[in-house]
């Protein structure tokens, strides 16, 4: 598997939002869903906790060498972002 690299912006934002790098990496390595995004990026997301009432969303730009984390954030808007099959 490709390495995961965090931009300076991503490191600043995850610290500000109380998200650990380990949690963001876990979502990239084992996402609940991967959705397309703008500019060739993808949104890796997983439900959090036993009840799944929150999402951790990680925006990733992938190239041949690595997964580059742009930002990551938690949200309670599961119904808005979680896509049913």
PDB file of N, CA and C in Angstrom:
ATOM      1  N   UNK A   1       0.840  -1.180   0.000  1.00  0.00           N
ATOM      2  CA  UNK A   1       0.000   0.000   0.000  1.00  0.00           C
ATOM      3  C   UNK A   1       0.887   1.245   0.000  1.00  0.00           C
ATOM      4  N   UNK A   2       0.406   2.271  -0.656  1.00  0.00           N
ATOM      5  CA  UNK A   2       1.149   3.528  -0.756  1.00  0.00           C
ATOM      6  C   UNK A   2       1.230   4.225   0.593  1.00  0.00           C
ATOM      7  N   UNK A   3       2.293   4.977   0.814  1.00  0.00           N
ATOM      8  CA  UNK A   3       2.374   5.758   2.053  1.00  0.00           C
ATOM      9  C   UNK A   3       1.329   6.875   2.051  1.00  0.00           C
ATOM     10  N   UNK A   4       1.006   7.344   3.241  1.00  0.00           N
ATOM     11  CA  UNK A   4       0.067   8.448   3.414  1.00  0.00           C
ATOM     12  C   UNK A   4       0.854   9.654   3.885  1.00  0.00           C
ATOM     13  N   UNK A   5       0.735  10.761   3.143  1.00  0.00           N
ATOM     14  CA  UNK A   5       1.443  11.981   3.485  1.00  0.00           C
ATOM     15  C   UNK A   5       0.430  13.068   3.827  1.00  0.00           C
ATOM     16  N   UNK A   6       0.749  13.856   4.841  1.00  0.00           N
ATOM     17  CA  UNK A   6      -0.122  14.938   5.292  1.00  0.00           C
ATOM     18  C   UNK A   6       0.492  16.277   4.900  1.00  0.00           C
ATOM     19  N   UNK A   7      -0.299  17.104   4.227  1.00  0.00           N
ATOM     20  CA  UNK A   7       0.174  18.449   3.909  1.00  0.00           C
ATOM     21  C   UNK A   7       0.254  19.258   5.204  1.00  0.00           C
ATOM     22  N   UNK A   8       0.945  20.378   5.149  1.00  0.00           N
ATOM     23  CA  UNK A   8       1.010  21.263   6.317  1.00  0.00           C
ATOM     24  C   UNK A   8      -0.395  21.722   6.701  1.00  0.00           C
ATOM     25  N   UNK A   9      -1.206  22.007   5.710  1.00  0.00           N
ATOM     26  CA  UNK A   9      -2.596  22.413   5.963  1.00  0.00           C
ATOM     27  C   UNK A   9      -3.364  21.296   6.663  1.00  0.00           C
ATOM     28  N   UNK A  10      -3.191  20.061   6.198  1.00  0.00           N
ATOM     29  CA  UNK A  10      -3.885  18.925   6.813  1.00  0.00           C
ATOM     30  C   UNK A  10      -3.454  18.749   8.268  1.00  0.00           C
ATOM     31  N   UNK A  11      -2.150  18.836   8.532  1.00  0.00           N
ATOM     32  CA  UNK A  11      -1.669  18.704   9.915  1.00  0.00           C
ATOM     33  C   UNK A  11      -2.253  19.789  10.811  1.00  0.00           C
ATOM     34  N   UNK A  12      -2.272  21.018  10.323  1.00  0.00           N
ATOM     35  CA  UNK A  12      -2.844  22.116  11.101  1.00  0.00           C
ATOM     36  C   UNK A  12      -4.326  21.856  11.390  1.00  0.00           C
ATOM     37  N   UNK A  13      -5.078  21.474  10.359  1.00  0.00           N
ATOM     38  CA  UNK A  13      -6.522  21.288  10.513  1.00  0.00           C
ATOM     39  C   UNK A  13      -6.884  20.097  11.410  1.00  0.00           C
ATOM     40  N   UNK A  14      -6.171  18.981  11.265  1.00  0.00           N
ATOM     41  CA  UNK A  14      -6.537  17.844  12.115  1.00  0.00           C
ATOM     42  C   UNK A  14      -6.214  18.123  13.581  1.00  0.00           C
ATOM     43  N   UNK A  15      -5.130  18.835  13.841  1.00  0.00           N
ATOM     44  CA  UNK A  15      -4.830  19.208  15.231  1.00  0.00           C
ATOM     45  C   UNK A  15      -5.896  20.155  15.767  1.00  0.00           C
ATOM     46  N   UNK A  16      -6.275  21.140  14.957  1.00  0.00           N
ATOM     47  CA  UNK A  16      -7.286  22.116  15.369  1.00  0.00           C
ATOM     48  C   UNK A  16      -8.631  21.446  15.625  1.00  0.00           C
ATOM     49  N   UNK A  17      -8.927  20.406  14.857  1.00  0.00           N
ATOM     50  CA  UNK A  17     -10.219  19.726  14.958  1.00  0.00           C
ATOM     51  C   UNK A  17     -10.198  18.522  15.888  1.00  0.00           C
ATOM     52  N   UNK A  18      -9.074  18.263  16.520  1.00  0.00           N
ATOM     53  CA  UNK A  18      -8.986  17.167  17.484  1.00  0.00           C
ATOM     54  C   UNK A  18      -9.010  15.783  16.859  1.00  0.00           C
ATOM     55  N   UNK A  19      -8.432  15.660  15.677  1.00  0.00           N
ATOM     56  CA  UNK A  19      -8.378  14.374  14.970  1.00  0.00           C
ATOM     57  C   UNK A  19      -6.929  13.896  14.995  1.00  0.00           C
ATOM     58  N   UNK A  20      -6.730  12.634  15.295  1.00  0.00           N
ATOM     59  CA  UNK A  20      -5.358  12.114  15.292  1.00  0.00           C
ATOM     60  C   UNK A  20      -4.974  11.669  13.881  1.00  0.00           C
ATOM     61  N   UNK A  21      -3.675  11.727  13.602  1.00  0.00           N
ATOM     62  CA  UNK A  21      -3.188  11.222  12.317  1.00  0.00           C
ATOM     63  C   UNK A  21      -3.514   9.744  12.170  1.00  0.00           C
ATOM     64  N   UNK A  22      -3.442   9.007  13.267  1.00  0.00           N
ATOM     65  CA  UNK A  22      -3.743   7.571  13.227  1.00  0.00           C
ATOM     66  C   UNK A  22      -5.180   7.321  12.787  1.00  0.00           C
ATOM     67  N   UNK A  23      -6.128   8.126  13.280  1.00  0.00           N
ATOM     68  CA  UNK A  23      -7.523   7.965  12.876  1.00  0.00           C
ATOM     69  C   UNK A  23      -7.711   8.293  11.397  1.00  0.00           C
ATOM     70  N   UNK A  24      -7.082   9.367  10.930  1.00  0.00           N
ATOM     71  CA  UNK A  24      -7.180   9.730   9.514  1.00  0.00           C
ATOM     72  C   UNK A  24      -6.550   8.643   8.640  1.00  0.00           C
ATOM     73  N   UNK A  25      -5.408   8.130   9.045  1.00  0.00           N
ATOM     74  CA  UNK A  25      -4.761   7.052   8.293  1.00  0.00           C
ATOM     75  C   UNK A  25      -5.627   5.806   8.265  1.00  0.00           C
ATOM     76  N   UNK A  26      -6.296   5.481   9.373  1.00  0.00           N
ATOM     77  CA  UNK A  26      -7.156   4.303   9.425  1.00  0.00           C
ATOM     78  C   UNK A  26      -8.303   4.417   8.430  1.00  0.00           C
ATOM     79  N   UNK A  27      -8.851   5.615   8.278  1.00  0.00           N
ATOM     80  CA  UNK A  27      -9.940   5.810   7.311  1.00  0.00           C
ATOM     81  C   UNK A  27      -9.414   5.646   5.888  1.00  0.00           C
ATOM     82  N   UNK A  28      -8.225   6.153   5.604  1.00  0.00           N
ATOM     83  CA  UNK A  28      -7.660   6.009   4.262  1.00  0.00           C
ATOM     84  C   UNK A  28      -7.342   4.542   3.971  1.00  0.00           C
ATOM     85  N   UNK A  29      -6.837   3.833   4.951  1.00  0.00           N
ATOM     86  CA  UNK A  29      -6.477   2.422   4.753  1.00  0.00           C
ATOM     87  C   UNK A  29      -7.704   1.510   4.673  1.00  0.00           C
ATOM     88  N   UNK A  30      -8.763   1.841   5.415  1.00  0.00           N
ATOM     89  CA  UNK A  30      -9.944   0.977   5.479  1.00  0.00           C
ATOM     90  C   UNK A  30     -11.208   1.832   5.520  1.00  0.00           C
ATOM     91  N   UNK A  31     -11.556   2.494   4.417  1.00  0.00           N
ATOM     92  CA  UNK A  31     -12.708   3.398   4.422  1.00  0.00           C
ATOM     93  C   UNK A  31     -14.033   2.651   4.373  1.00  0.00           C
ATOM     94  N   UNK A  32     -15.055   3.279   4.937  1.00  0.00           N
ATOM     95  CA  UNK A  32     -16.403   2.756   4.779  1.00  0.00           C
ATOM     96  C   UNK A  32     -16.909   3.034   3.375  1.00  0.00           C
ATOM     97  N   UNK A  33     -16.506   4.184   2.824  1.00  0.00           N
ATOM     98  CA  UNK A  33     -16.861   4.578   1.463  1.00  0.00           C
ATOM     99  C   UNK A  33     -15.762   5.458   0.890  1.00  0.00           C
ATOM    100  N   UNK A  34     -15.662   5.438  -0.429  1.00  0.00           N
ATOM    101  CA  UNK A  34     -14.791   6.359  -1.146  1.00  0.00           C
ATOM    102  C   UNK A  34     -15.649   7.029  -2.214  1.00  0.00           C
ATOM    103  N   UNK A  35     -15.720   8.344  -2.158  1.00  0.00           N
ATOM    104  CA  UNK A  35     -16.543   9.112  -3.084  1.00  0.00           C
ATOM    105  C   UNK A  35     -15.658  10.011  -3.936  1.00  0.00           C
ATOM    106  N   UNK A  36     -16.046  10.241  -5.193  1.00  0.00           N
ATOM    107  CA  UNK A  36     -15.281  11.180  -6.015  1.00  0.00           C
ATOM    108  C   UNK A  36     -15.487  12.605  -5.527  1.00  0.00           C
ATOM    109  N   UNK A  37     -14.496  13.442  -5.771  1.00  0.00           N
ATOM    110  CA  UNK A  37     -14.571  14.841  -5.390  1.00  0.00           C
ATOM    111  C   UNK A  37     -14.022  15.690  -6.527  1.00  0.00           C
ATOM    112  N   UNK A  38     -13.864  16.968  -6.286  1.00  0.00           N
ATOM    113  CA  UNK A  38     -13.355  17.888  -7.297  1.00  0.00           C
ATOM    114  C   UNK A  38     -11.846  17.758  -7.461  1.00  0.00           C
ATOM    115  N   UNK A  39     -11.357  18.215  -8.586  1.00  0.00           N
ATOM    116  CA  UNK A  39      -9.921  18.312  -8.860  1.00  0.00           C
ATOM    117  C   UNK A  39      -9.200  16.977  -8.780  1.00  0.00           C
ATOM    118  N   UNK A  40      -9.893  15.865  -9.098  1.00  0.00           N
ATOM    119  CA  UNK A  40      -9.274  14.550  -9.079  1.00  0.00           C
ATOM    120  C   UNK A  40      -9.044  13.979  -7.697  1.00  0.00           C
ATOM    121  N   UNK A  41      -9.659  14.567  -6.708  1.00  0.00           N
ATOM    122  CA  UNK A  41      -9.519  14.081  -5.327  1.00  0.00           C
ATOM    123  C   UNK A  41     -10.621  13.078  -5.013  1.00  0.00           C
ATOM    124  N   UNK A  42     -10.437  12.380  -3.891  1.00  0.00           N
ATOM    125  CA  UNK A  42     -11.453  11.457  -3.396  1.00  0.00           C
ATOM    126  C   UNK A  42     -11.711  11.738  -1.927  1.00  0.00           C
ATOM    127  N   UNK A  43     -12.925  11.440  -1.502  1.00  0.00           N
ATOM    128  CA  UNK A  43     -13.297  11.578  -0.094  1.00  0.00           C
ATOM    129  C   UNK A  43     -13.398  10.177   0.492  1.00  0.00           C
ATOM    130  N   UNK A  44     -12.521   9.891   1.419  1.00  0.00           N
ATOM    131  CA  UNK A  44     -12.553   8.630   2.151  1.00  0.00           C
ATOM    132  C   UNK A  44     -13.313   8.915   3.435  1.00  0.00           C
ATOM    133  N   UNK A  45     -14.340   8.111   3.723  1.00  0.00           N
ATOM    134  CA  UNK A  45     -15.119   8.387   4.923  1.00  0.00           C
ATOM    135  C   UNK A  45     -15.519   7.096   5.619  1.00  0.00           C
ATOM    136  N   UNK A  46     -15.667   7.199   6.935  1.00  0.00           N
ATOM    137  CA  UNK A  46     -16.109   6.083   7.768  1.00  0.00           C
ATOM    138  C   UNK A  46     -16.962   6.623   8.896  1.00  0.00           C
ATOM    139  N   UNK A  47     -17.940   5.814   9.293  1.00  0.00           N
ATOM    140  CA  UNK A  47     -18.777   6.175  10.430  1.00  0.00           C
ATOM    141  C   UNK A  47     -17.989   5.944  11.706  1.00  0.00           C
ATOM    142  N   UNK A  48     -18.229   6.806  12.695  1.00  0.00           N
ATOM    143  CA  UNK A  48     -17.507   6.732  13.961  1.00  0.00           C
ATOM    144  C   UNK A  48     -18.419   6.213  15.065  1.00  0.00           C
ATOM    145  N   UNK A  49     -17.825   5.527  16.010  1.00  0.00           N
ATOM    146  CA  UNK A  49     -18.544   5.088  17.202  1.00  0.00           C
ATOM    147  C   UNK A  49     -19.473   3.919  16.930  1.00  0.00           C
ATOM    148  N   UNK A  50     -20.017   3.391  18.005  1.00  0.00           N
ATOM    149  CA  UNK A  50     -20.895   2.229  17.923  1.00  0.00           C
ATOM    150  C   UNK A  50     -22.205   2.550  17.210  1.00  0.00           C
ATOM    151  N   UNK A  51     -22.675   3.792  17.339  1.00  0.00           N
ATOM    152  CA  UNK A  51     -23.951   4.165  16.745  1.00  0.00           C
ATOM    153  C   UNK A  51     -23.802   4.773  15.354  1.00  0.00           C
ATOM    154  N   UNK A  52     -22.596   5.133  14.958  1.00  0.00           N
ATOM    155  CA  UNK A  52     -22.366   5.694  13.636  1.00  0.00           C
ATOM    156  C   UNK A  52     -23.043   7.030  13.406  1.00  0.00           C
ATOM    157  N   UNK A  53     -23.126   7.844  14.450  1.00  0.00           N
ATOM    158  CA  UNK A  53     -23.806   9.131  14.339  1.00  0.00           C
ATOM    159  C   UNK A  53     -22.889  10.255  13.849  1.00  0.00           C
ATOM    160  N   UNK A  54     -21.627   9.948  13.607  1.00  0.00           N
ATOM    161  CA  UNK A  54     -20.684  10.944  13.092  1.00  0.00           C
ATOM    162  C   UNK A  54     -19.843  10.287  12.004  1.00  0.00           C
ATOM    163  N   UNK A  55     -19.322  11.115  11.114  1.00  0.00           N
ATOM    164  CA  UNK A  55     -18.425  10.654  10.065  1.00  0.00           C
ATOM    165  C   UNK A  55     -17.069  11.313  10.224  1.00  0.00           C
ATOM    166  N   UNK A  56     -16.037  10.572   9.897  1.00  0.00           N
ATOM    167  CA  UNK A  56     -14.717  11.159   9.707  1.00  0.00           C
ATOM    168  C   UNK A  56     -14.483  11.125   8.212  1.00  0.00           C
ATOM    169  N   UNK A  57     -14.309  12.314   7.617  1.00  0.00           N
ATOM    170  CA  UNK A  57     -14.114  12.457   6.176  1.00  0.00           C
ATOM    171  C   UNK A  57     -12.697  12.949   5.927  1.00  0.00           C
ATOM    172  N   UNK A  58     -11.977  12.250   5.054  1.00  0.00           N
ATOM    173  CA  UNK A  58     -10.589  12.588   4.735  1.00  0.00           C
ATOM    174  C   UNK A  58     -10.509  12.828   3.231  1.00  0.00           C
ATOM    175  N   UNK A  59     -10.104  14.032   2.839  1.00  0.00           N
ATOM    176  CA  UNK A  59      -9.972  14.388   1.434  1.00  0.00           C
ATOM    177  C   UNK A  59      -8.556  14.030   0.985  1.00  0.00           C
ATOM    178  N   UNK A  60      -8.467  13.234  -0.084  1.00  0.00           N
ATOM    179  CA  UNK A  60      -7.186  12.665  -0.495  1.00  0.00           C
ATOM    180  C   UNK A  60      -6.942  12.906  -1.982  1.00  0.00           C
ATOM    181  N   UNK A  61      -5.738  13.318  -2.299  1.00  0.00           N
ATOM    182  CA  UNK A  61      -5.255  13.390  -3.683  1.00  0.00           C
ATOM    183  C   UNK A  61      -4.235  12.273  -3.821  1.00  0.00           C
ATOM    184  N   UNK A  62      -4.492  11.352  -4.730  1.00  0.00           N
ATOM    185  CA  UNK A  62      -3.602  10.203  -4.892  1.00  0.00           C
ATOM    186  C   UNK A  62      -2.767  10.373  -6.146  1.00  0.00           C
ATOM    187  N   UNK A  63      -1.489  10.020  -6.048  1.00  0.00           N
ATOM    188  CA  UNK A  63      -0.639   9.953  -7.228  1.00  0.00           C
ATOM    189  C   UNK A  63       0.069   8.603  -7.211  1.00  0.00           C
ATOM    190  N   UNK A  64       1.004   8.413  -8.111  1.00  0.00           N
ATOM    191  CA  UNK A  64       1.675   7.119  -8.228  1.00  0.00           C
ATOM    192  C   UNK A  64       2.501   6.766  -7.000  1.00  0.00           C
ATOM    193  N   UNK A  65       2.900   7.773  -6.222  1.00  0.00           N
ATOM    194  CA  UNK A  65       3.802   7.532  -5.101  1.00  0.00           C
ATOM    195  C   UNK A  65       3.117   7.462  -3.734  1.00  0.00           C
ATOM    196  N   UNK A  66       1.998   8.198  -3.548  1.00  0.00           N
ATOM    197  CA  UNK A  66       1.430   8.293  -2.199  1.00  0.00           C
ATOM    198  C   UNK A  66      -0.016   8.771  -2.233  1.00  0.00           C
ATOM    199  N   UNK A  67      -0.654   8.633  -1.077  1.00  0.00           N
ATOM    200  CA  UNK A  67      -1.944   9.264  -0.806  1.00  0.00           C
ATOM    201  C   UNK A  67      -1.622  10.563  -0.067  1.00  0.00           C
ATOM    202  N   UNK A  68      -2.052  11.702  -0.596  1.00  0.00           N
ATOM    203  CA  UNK A  68      -1.778  12.999   0.009  1.00  0.00           C
ATOM    204  C   UNK A  68      -3.055  13.509   0.668  1.00  0.00           C
ATOM    205  N   UNK A  69      -3.037  13.600   2.000  1.00  0.00           N
ATOM    206  CA  UNK A  69      -4.194  14.098   2.740  1.00  0.00           C
ATOM    207  C   UNK A  69      -4.194  15.617   2.640  1.00  0.00           C
ATOM    208  N   UNK A  70      -5.326  16.161   2.193  1.00  0.00           N
ATOM    209  CA  UNK A  70      -5.470  17.612   2.083  1.00  0.00           C
ATOM    210  C   UNK A  70      -6.072  18.085   3.421  1.00  0.00           C
ATOM    211  N   UNK A  71      -7.384  17.991   3.654  1.00  0.00           N
ATOM    212  CA  UNK A  71      -7.921  18.191   4.997  1.00  0.00           C
ATOM    213  C   UNK A  71      -8.639  16.931   5.477  1.00  0.00           C
ATOM    214  N   UNK A  72      -9.030  16.949   6.728  1.00  0.00           N
ATOM    215  CA  UNK A  72      -9.869  15.902   7.316  1.00  0.00           C
ATOM    216  C   UNK A  72     -10.769  16.580   8.339  1.00  0.00           C
ATOM    217  N   UNK A  73     -11.989  16.075   8.463  1.00  0.00           N
ATOM    218  CA  UNK A  73     -12.901  16.669   9.442  1.00  0.00           C
ATOM    219  C   UNK A  73     -13.962  15.671   9.861  1.00  0.00           C
ATOM    220  N   UNK A  74     -14.546  15.917  11.010  1.00  0.00           N
ATOM    221  CA  UNK A  74     -15.665  15.126  11.529  1.00  0.00           C
ATOM    222  C   UNK A  74     -16.945  15.905  11.290  1.00  0.00           C
ATOM    223  N   UNK A  75     -18.026  15.179  11.053  1.00  0.00           N
ATOM    224  CA  UNK A  75     -19.321  15.819  10.876  1.00  0.00           C
ATOM    225  C   UNK A  75     -20.423  14.928  11.423  1.00  0.00           C
ATOM    226  N   UNK A  76     -21.510  15.555  11.853  1.00  0.00           N
ATOM    227  CA  UNK A  76     -22.686  14.806  12.307  1.00  0.00           C
ATOM    228  C   UNK A  76     -23.709  14.664  11.185  1.00  0.00           C
ATOM    229  N   UNK A  77     -23.408  15.188  10.008  1.00  0.00           N
ATOM    230  CA  UNK A  77     -24.347  15.164   8.876  1.00  0.00           C
ATOM    231  C   UNK A  77     -24.216  13.861   8.082  1.00  0.00           C
ATOM    232  N   UNK A  78     -24.438  12.757   8.766  1.00  0.00           N
ATOM    233  CA  UNK A  78     -24.298  11.439   8.144  1.00  0.00           C
ATOM    234  C   UNK A  78     -25.281  11.295   6.992  1.00  0.00           C
ATOM    235  N   UNK A  79     -26.533  11.668   7.184  1.00  0.00           N
ATOM    236  CA  UNK A  79     -27.551  11.508   6.146  1.00  0.00           C
ATOM    237  C   UNK A  79     -27.189  12.303   4.885  1.00  0.00           C
ATOM    238  N   UNK A  80     -26.528  13.420   5.036  1.00  0.00           N
ATOM    239  CA  UNK A  80     -26.148  14.253   3.892  1.00  0.00           C
ATOM    240  C   UNK A  80     -25.012  13.627   3.084  1.00  0.00           C
ATOM    241  N   UNK A  81     -24.034  13.063   3.746  1.00  0.00           N
ATOM    242  CA  UNK A  81     -22.820  12.631   3.082  1.00  0.00           C
ATOM    243  C   UNK A  81     -22.731  11.128   2.796  1.00  0.00           C
ATOM    244  N   UNK A  82     -23.399  10.302   3.584  1.00  0.00           N
ATOM    245  CA  UNK A  82     -23.288   8.851   3.418  1.00  0.00           C
ATOM    246  C   UNK A  82     -24.174   8.419   2.257  1.00  0.00           C
ATOM    247  N   UNK A  83     -23.595   7.782   1.268  1.00  0.00           N
ATOM    248  CA  UNK A  83     -24.326   7.361   0.087  1.00  0.00           C
ATOM    249  C   UNK A  83     -24.761   5.899   0.239  1.00  0.00           C
ATOM    250  N   UNK A  84     -26.058   5.682   0.147  1.00  0.00           N
ATOM    251  CA  UNK A  84     -26.587   4.321   0.243  1.00  0.00           C
ATOM    252  C   UNK A  84     -26.385   3.622  -1.091  1.00  0.00           C
ATOM    253  N   UNK A  85     -26.065   2.328  -1.059  1.00  0.00           N
ATOM    254  CA  UNK A  85     -25.837   1.575  -2.323  1.00  0.00           C
ATOM    255  C   UNK A  85     -27.108   1.389  -3.111  1.00  0.00           C
TER     256      UNK A  85
END
